[in-house]
Amino acid sequence: MLEKKSFIVINRYIPYREGAKLFQRCSVVVLPYIEGSQSGVVFPAYAFKKPVVVTDVGSLPEIVDDGITGFVVSPRDPRALAEKIILLLENEKLRRKMGKNAYKKLKTDLSWDKISEIIEIYEETLKEVTI
């Protein structure tokens, strides 16, 4: 049974050093957004090998592989959100596996090398476009 004292909710700006400490201490990173376009929180979560539970808003489903690096649930569905959080908190093996998958995704699909390839494609395309 999960105890309420096991959870910390921080609803304010978190400086870099404090954020790093929190990522080190946490087991799961949860982003229960109801709207938004993107989030910079998933990348450091992956860097600290933490699985994420996010809602299906904005670009979050594009960077979270459901069932592999974390879970994607519908926004405004507290039951689904809670089920996935509890599943990860109660299953250390799954948590570690997803955390490793997340780190691998960060170092491959989301790496600066991969991003630079995309930028090069944009640059080449722009050269071909005539206005």
N, C-alpha and C. Protein backbone atom coordinates (compact mmCIF):
# COMPACT_ATOMS: atom_id res chain seq x y z
N MET A 1 0.84 -1.19 0.00
CA MET A 1 0.00 0.00 0.00
C MET A 1 0.88 1.25 0.00
N LEU A 2 0.58 2.17 -0.88
CA LEU A 2 1.34 3.41 -0.96
C LEU A 2 0.85 4.38 0.10
N GLU A 3 1.80 5.04 0.76
CA GLU A 3 1.45 5.98 1.81
C GLU A 3 1.53 7.40 1.30
N LYS A 4 0.66 8.24 1.80
CA LYS A 4 0.61 9.64 1.38
C LYS A 4 1.94 10.35 1.62
N LYS A 5 2.65 9.97 2.66
CA LYS A 5 3.92 10.64 2.98
C LYS A 5 5.01 10.30 1.96
N SER A 6 4.74 9.36 1.05
CA SER A 6 5.70 8.99 0.02
C SER A 6 5.69 9.95 -1.17
N PHE A 7 4.77 10.91 -1.17
CA PHE A 7 4.61 11.81 -2.30
C PHE A 7 4.96 13.24 -1.92
N ILE A 8 5.58 13.92 -2.86
CA ILE A 8 5.90 15.33 -2.68
C ILE A 8 5.34 16.07 -3.88
N VAL A 9 4.58 17.11 -3.64
CA VAL A 9 4.07 17.94 -4.72
C VAL A 9 4.71 19.32 -4.57
N ILE A 10 5.39 19.75 -5.63
CA ILE A 10 6.03 21.07 -5.61
C ILE A 10 5.43 21.87 -6.76
N ASN A 11 4.71 22.90 -6.42
CA ASN A 11 4.02 23.70 -7.42
C ASN A 11 4.63 25.11 -7.46
N ARG A 12 5.88 25.18 -7.93
CA ARG A 12 6.60 26.44 -8.05
C ARG A 12 7.79 26.22 -8.98
N TYR A 13 8.47 27.29 -9.32
CA TYR A 13 9.69 27.20 -10.11
C TYR A 13 10.75 26.44 -9.31
N ILE A 14 11.42 25.52 -9.97
CA ILE A 14 12.46 24.74 -9.31
C ILE A 14 13.80 25.03 -9.98
N PRO A 15 14.76 25.61 -9.24
CA PRO A 15 16.08 25.88 -9.81
C PRO A 15 16.78 24.59 -10.25
N TYR A 16 17.73 24.73 -11.15
CA TYR A 16 18.43 23.60 -11.76
C TYR A 16 18.98 22.61 -10.74
N ARG A 17 19.76 23.07 -9.79
CA ARG A 17 20.39 22.15 -8.82
C ARG A 17 19.35 21.40 -7.98
N GLU A 18 18.33 22.10 -7.57
CA GLU A 18 17.26 21.45 -6.81
C GLU A 18 16.54 20.43 -7.67
N GLY A 19 16.32 20.79 -8.95
CA GLY A 19 15.68 19.85 -9.87
C GLY A 19 16.48 18.58 -10.04
N ALA A 20 17.79 18.72 -10.18
CA ALA A 20 18.65 17.54 -10.33
C ALA A 20 18.54 16.62 -9.11
N LYS A 21 18.51 17.20 -7.93
CA LYS A 21 18.37 16.40 -6.70
C LYS A 21 17.02 15.68 -6.69
N LEU A 22 15.98 16.38 -7.11
CA LEU A 22 14.66 15.76 -7.13
C LEU A 22 14.59 14.60 -8.13
N PHE A 23 15.19 14.80 -9.32
CA PHE A 23 15.21 13.71 -10.30
C PHE A 23 15.97 12.50 -9.76
N GLN A 24 17.05 12.74 -9.04
CA GLN A 24 17.82 11.63 -8.47
C GLN A 24 17.00 10.86 -7.44
N ARG A 25 16.20 11.57 -6.66
CA ARG A 25 15.45 10.95 -5.57
C ARG A 25 14.16 10.27 -6.02
N CYS A 26 13.59 10.73 -7.12
CA CYS A 26 12.25 10.25 -7.49
C CYS A 26 12.30 8.87 -8.14
N SER A 27 11.15 8.24 -8.16
CA SER A 27 11.00 6.94 -8.81
C SER A 27 10.32 7.07 -10.17
N VAL A 28 9.39 8.01 -10.26
CA VAL A 28 8.59 8.22 -11.46
C VAL A 28 8.38 9.72 -11.63
N VAL A 29 8.37 10.18 -12.88
CA VAL A 29 8.07 11.58 -13.17
C VAL A 29 6.69 11.62 -13.81
N VAL A 30 5.81 12.45 -13.25
CA VAL A 30 4.42 12.51 -13.70
C VAL A 30 4.11 13.91 -14.21
N LEU A 31 3.57 13.98 -15.43
CA LEU A 31 3.19 15.25 -16.05
C LEU A 31 1.70 15.18 -16.41
N PRO A 32 0.83 15.53 -15.47
CA PRO A 32 -0.62 15.42 -15.70
C PRO A 32 -1.22 16.66 -16.35
N TYR A 33 -0.61 17.11 -17.44
CA TYR A 33 -1.08 18.32 -18.12
C TYR A 33 -2.49 18.10 -18.69
N ILE A 34 -3.30 19.16 -18.66
CA ILE A 34 -4.61 19.08 -19.31
C ILE A 34 -4.58 19.76 -20.66
N GLU A 35 -3.54 20.59 -20.88
CA GLU A 35 -3.31 21.19 -22.19
C GLU A 35 -1.85 21.62 -22.24
N GLY A 36 -1.37 21.87 -23.43
CA GLY A 36 0.01 22.30 -23.60
C GLY A 36 0.53 21.84 -24.95
N SER A 37 1.65 22.38 -25.32
CA SER A 37 2.23 22.00 -26.60
C SER A 37 3.42 21.07 -26.42
N GLN A 38 4.25 21.33 -25.40
CA GLN A 38 5.41 20.50 -25.14
C GLN A 38 5.86 20.70 -23.70
N SER A 39 6.88 19.94 -23.31
CA SER A 39 7.42 20.08 -21.96
C SER A 39 8.91 19.78 -21.99
N GLY A 40 9.67 20.55 -21.25
CA GLY A 40 11.10 20.30 -21.13
C GLY A 40 11.43 19.35 -20.00
N VAL A 41 10.45 18.80 -19.34
CA VAL A 41 10.68 17.94 -18.18
C VAL A 41 11.00 16.50 -18.58
N VAL A 42 10.48 16.04 -19.71
CA VAL A 42 10.69 14.65 -20.11
C VAL A 42 12.17 14.36 -20.36
N PHE A 43 12.88 15.28 -20.99
CA PHE A 43 14.29 15.04 -21.34
C PHE A 43 15.17 14.82 -20.10
N PRO A 44 15.09 15.68 -19.08
CA PRO A 44 15.88 15.37 -17.89
C PRO A 44 15.42 14.11 -17.18
N ALA A 45 14.13 13.82 -17.22
CA ALA A 45 13.65 12.57 -16.63
C ALA A 45 14.35 11.39 -17.30
N TYR A 46 14.41 11.42 -18.62
CA TYR A 46 15.10 10.37 -19.37
C TYR A 46 16.59 10.34 -19.01
N ALA A 47 17.21 11.51 -18.87
CA ALA A 47 18.64 11.58 -18.54
C ALA A 47 18.92 10.94 -17.18
N PHE A 48 17.96 11.03 -16.27
CA PHE A 48 18.12 10.42 -14.95
C PHE A 48 17.54 9.00 -14.90
N LYS A 49 17.21 8.46 -16.08
CA LYS A 49 16.69 7.09 -16.21
C LYS A 49 15.41 6.88 -15.43
N LYS A 50 14.51 7.84 -15.55
CA LYS A 50 13.22 7.77 -14.86
C LYS A 50 12.10 7.57 -15.87
N PRO A 51 11.21 6.61 -15.63
CA PRO A 51 10.03 6.49 -16.49
C PRO A 51 9.08 7.66 -16.24
N VAL A 52 8.27 7.96 -17.21
CA VAL A 52 7.34 9.08 -17.08
C VAL A 52 5.90 8.61 -17.30
N VAL A 53 5.00 9.29 -16.67
CA VAL A 53 3.57 9.12 -16.93
C VAL A 53 3.09 10.50 -17.37
N VAL A 54 2.63 10.58 -18.61
CA VAL A 54 2.20 11.86 -19.17
C VAL A 54 0.78 11.73 -19.71
N THR A 55 0.19 12.89 -19.94
CA THR A 55 -1.13 12.90 -20.57
C THR A 55 -0.97 13.14 -22.07
N ASP A 56 -1.96 12.73 -22.79
CA ASP A 56 -1.95 12.79 -24.26
C ASP A 56 -2.30 14.20 -24.73
N VAL A 57 -1.35 15.11 -24.52
CA VAL A 57 -1.52 16.49 -24.96
C VAL A 57 -0.26 16.95 -25.68
N GLY A 58 -0.43 17.86 -26.61
CA GLY A 58 0.71 18.43 -27.31
C GLY A 58 1.62 17.38 -27.92
N SER A 59 2.91 17.60 -27.77
CA SER A 59 3.90 16.68 -28.36
C SER A 59 4.35 15.59 -27.39
N LEU A 60 3.77 15.53 -26.21
CA LEU A 60 4.20 14.53 -25.23
C LEU A 60 4.13 13.10 -25.78
N PRO A 61 3.05 12.70 -26.47
CA PRO A 61 3.00 11.33 -26.98
C PRO A 61 4.07 11.05 -28.05
N GLU A 62 4.63 12.10 -28.63
CA GLU A 62 5.68 11.91 -29.64
C GLU A 62 7.02 11.54 -29.01
N ILE A 63 7.23 11.92 -27.75
CA ILE A 63 8.51 11.63 -27.11
C ILE A 63 8.43 10.57 -26.02
N VAL A 64 7.21 10.17 -25.68
CA VAL A 64 7.02 9.10 -24.70
C VAL A 64 6.44 7.89 -25.42
N ASP A 65 7.21 6.82 -25.45
CA ASP A 65 6.76 5.58 -26.08
C ASP A 65 5.93 4.81 -25.05
N ASP A 66 4.61 4.81 -25.25
CA ASP A 66 3.69 4.21 -24.29
C ASP A 66 4.04 2.74 -24.04
N GLY A 67 4.26 2.42 -22.77
CA GLY A 67 4.60 1.06 -22.39
C GLY A 67 6.08 0.73 -22.52
N ILE A 68 6.87 1.67 -23.03
CA ILE A 68 8.30 1.42 -23.24
C ILE A 68 9.16 2.38 -22.40
N THR A 69 8.93 3.69 -22.55
CA THR A 69 9.67 4.68 -21.77
C THR A 69 8.79 5.27 -20.67
N GLY A 70 7.56 4.89 -20.65
CA GLY A 70 6.60 5.39 -19.68
C GLY A 70 5.19 5.07 -20.15
N PHE A 71 4.25 5.84 -19.68
CA PHE A 71 2.86 5.64 -20.08
C PHE A 71 2.23 6.96 -20.50
N VAL A 72 1.32 6.86 -21.46
CA VAL A 72 0.55 8.00 -21.92
C VAL A 72 -0.92 7.71 -21.60
N VAL A 73 -1.55 8.63 -20.87
CA VAL A 73 -2.96 8.47 -20.51
C VAL A 73 -3.75 9.68 -20.99
N SER A 74 -5.04 9.53 -21.05
CA SER A 74 -5.91 10.64 -21.47
C SER A 74 -5.89 11.74 -20.43
N PRO A 75 -5.93 13.00 -20.89
CA PRO A 75 -6.01 14.09 -19.92
C PRO A 75 -7.35 14.04 -19.19
N ARG A 76 -7.34 14.55 -17.98
CA ARG A 76 -8.54 14.60 -17.14
C ARG A 76 -9.09 13.21 -16.81
N ASP A 77 -8.20 12.23 -16.74
CA ASP A 77 -8.60 10.87 -16.36
C ASP A 77 -7.77 10.46 -15.14
N PRO A 78 -8.17 10.93 -13.96
CA PRO A 78 -7.36 10.67 -12.77
C PRO A 78 -7.22 9.18 -12.44
N ARG A 79 -8.22 8.39 -12.78
CA ARG A 79 -8.14 6.95 -12.50
C ARG A 79 -7.04 6.30 -13.33
N ALA A 80 -6.99 6.60 -14.63
CA ALA A 80 -5.95 6.03 -15.50
C ALA A 80 -4.57 6.52 -15.07
N LEU A 81 -4.48 7.80 -14.73
CA LEU A 81 -3.22 8.36 -14.27
C LEU A 81 -2.74 7.64 -13.01
N ALA A 82 -3.63 7.49 -12.05
CA ALA A 82 -3.29 6.81 -10.79
C ALA A 82 -2.89 5.36 -11.02
N GLU A 83 -3.61 4.67 -11.89
CA GLU A 83 -3.29 3.26 -12.16
C GLU A 83 -1.87 3.09 -12.69
N LYS A 84 -1.47 3.97 -13.61
CA LYS A 84 -0.12 3.86 -14.19
C LYS A 84 0.95 4.25 -13.19
N ILE A 85 0.68 5.27 -12.39
CA ILE A 85 1.64 5.66 -11.36
C ILE A 85 1.83 4.52 -10.36
N ILE A 86 0.73 3.96 -9.89
CA ILE A 86 0.80 2.86 -8.91
C ILE A 86 1.50 1.65 -9.52
N LEU A 87 1.19 1.33 -10.77
CA LEU A 87 1.85 0.20 -11.43
C LEU A 87 3.37 0.37 -11.39
N LEU A 88 3.84 1.56 -11.72
CA LEU A 88 5.29 1.80 -11.73
C LEU A 88 5.87 1.81 -10.32
N LEU A 89 5.18 2.41 -9.38
CA LEU A 89 5.70 2.47 -8.01
C LEU A 89 5.77 1.09 -7.37
N GLU A 90 4.87 0.21 -7.74
CA GLU A 90 4.84 -1.12 -7.14
C GLU A 90 5.69 -2.14 -7.88
N ASN A 91 6.21 -1.77 -9.06
CA ASN A 91 6.95 -2.73 -9.87
C ASN A 91 8.35 -2.17 -10.20
N GLU A 92 9.30 -2.44 -9.33
CA GLU A 92 10.65 -1.90 -9.50
C GLU A 92 11.30 -2.38 -10.79
N LYS A 93 11.08 -3.64 -11.14
CA LYS A 93 11.68 -4.18 -12.37
C LYS A 93 11.18 -3.42 -13.61
N LEU A 94 9.88 -3.17 -13.67
CA LEU A 94 9.31 -2.42 -14.79
C LEU A 94 9.84 -0.99 -14.79
N ARG A 95 9.90 -0.38 -13.61
CA ARG A 95 10.40 0.99 -13.48
C ARG A 95 11.83 1.09 -14.02
N ARG A 96 12.68 0.17 -13.62
CA ARG A 96 14.08 0.19 -14.07
C ARG A 96 14.19 -0.05 -15.57
N LYS A 97 13.39 -0.98 -16.08
CA LYS A 97 13.42 -1.28 -17.51
C LYS A 97 13.00 -0.06 -18.32
N MET A 98 11.90 0.57 -17.92
CA MET A 98 11.44 1.77 -18.63
C MET A 98 12.44 2.90 -18.51
N GLY A 99 13.07 3.03 -17.34
CA GLY A 99 14.09 4.06 -17.15
C GLY A 99 15.27 3.85 -18.08
N LYS A 100 15.69 2.61 -18.23
CA LYS A 100 16.79 2.30 -19.16
C LYS A 100 16.37 2.58 -20.60
N ASN A 101 15.14 2.20 -20.94
CA ASN A 101 14.63 2.48 -22.29
C ASN A 101 14.58 3.99 -22.55
N ALA A 102 14.18 4.75 -21.54
CA ALA A 102 14.10 6.20 -21.67
C ALA A 102 15.48 6.79 -21.93
N TYR A 103 16.46 6.34 -21.18
CA TYR A 103 17.83 6.84 -21.35
C TYR A 103 18.35 6.50 -22.75
N LYS A 104 18.07 5.28 -23.20
CA LYS A 104 18.50 4.87 -24.54
C LYS A 104 17.85 5.76 -25.60
N LYS A 105 16.55 6.04 -25.44
CA LYS A 105 15.85 6.90 -26.40
C LYS A 105 16.47 8.29 -26.42
N LEU A 106 16.81 8.81 -25.25
CA LEU A 106 17.43 10.13 -25.17
C LEU A 106 18.76 10.14 -25.92
N LYS A 107 19.53 9.07 -25.80
CA LYS A 107 20.86 9.02 -26.42
C LYS A 107 20.82 8.67 -27.91
N THR A 108 19.67 8.21 -28.40
CA THR A 108 19.57 7.85 -29.83
C THR A 108 18.57 8.76 -30.54
N ASP A 109 17.30 8.45 -30.43
CA ASP A 109 16.25 9.17 -31.16
C ASP A 109 16.17 10.66 -30.82
N LEU A 110 16.50 11.02 -29.59
CA LEU A 110 16.39 12.41 -29.15
C LEU A 110 17.75 13.09 -28.99
N SER A 111 18.79 12.48 -29.53
CA SER A 111 20.15 13.01 -29.37
C SER A 111 20.36 14.26 -30.22
N TRP A 112 21.38 15.02 -29.87
CA TRP A 112 21.72 16.22 -30.65
C TRP A 112 22.14 15.83 -32.06
N ASP A 113 22.78 14.67 -32.23
CA ASP A 113 23.14 14.20 -33.58
C ASP A 113 21.89 14.02 -34.43
N LYS A 114 20.87 13.41 -33.87
CA LYS A 114 19.62 13.19 -34.59
C LYS A 114 18.93 14.52 -34.89
N ILE A 115 18.94 15.42 -33.92
CA ILE A 115 18.33 16.73 -34.13
C ILE A 115 19.06 17.49 -35.23
N SER A 116 20.39 17.39 -35.25
CA SER A 116 21.14 18.11 -36.29
C SER A 116 20.83 17.56 -37.68
N GLU A 117 20.53 16.27 -37.79
CA GLU A 117 20.13 15.69 -39.08
C GLU A 117 18.83 16.34 -39.55
N ILE A 118 17.91 16.52 -38.64
CA ILE A 118 16.62 17.14 -38.98
C ILE A 118 16.82 18.59 -39.40
N ILE A 119 17.69 19.29 -38.69
CA ILE A 119 17.98 20.69 -39.05
C ILE A 119 18.57 20.76 -40.45
N GLU A 120 19.47 19.84 -40.77
CA GLU A 120 20.07 19.81 -42.11
C GLU A 120 19.00 19.60 -43.18
N ILE A 121 18.03 18.75 -42.90
CA ILE A 121 16.94 18.51 -43.86
C ILE A 121 16.14 19.80 -44.06
N TYR A 122 15.83 20.50 -42.97
CA TYR A 122 15.12 21.77 -43.08
C TYR A 122 15.93 22.77 -43.90
N GLU A 123 17.22 22.87 -43.63
CA GLU A 123 18.06 23.82 -44.35
C GLU A 123 18.09 23.51 -45.85
N GLU A 124 18.22 22.24 -46.20
CA GLU A 124 18.23 21.84 -47.61
C GLU A 124 16.88 22.16 -48.27
N THR A 125 15.82 21.90 -47.55
CA THR A 125 14.48 22.18 -48.09
C THR A 125 14.30 23.67 -48.31
N LEU A 126 14.76 24.47 -47.37
CA LEU A 126 14.63 25.92 -47.52
C LEU A 126 15.42 26.45 -48.70
N LYS A 127 16.55 25.83 -49.02
CA LYS A 127 17.35 26.25 -50.17
C LYS A 127 16.59 26.01 -51.47
N GLU A 128 15.76 24.98 -51.49
CA GLU A 128 15.02 24.62 -52.68
C GLU A 128 13.75 25.44 -52.87
N VAL A 129 13.30 26.06 -51.81
CA VAL A 129 12.06 26.84 -51.86
C VAL A 129 12.35 28.22 -52.45
N THR A 130 11.58 28.59 -53.42
CA THR A 130 11.71 29.93 -53.98
C THR A 130 10.51 30.76 -53.59
N ILE A 131 10.75 31.97 -53.23
CA ILE A 131 9.64 32.83 -52.78
C ILE A 131 9.33 33.85 -53.86
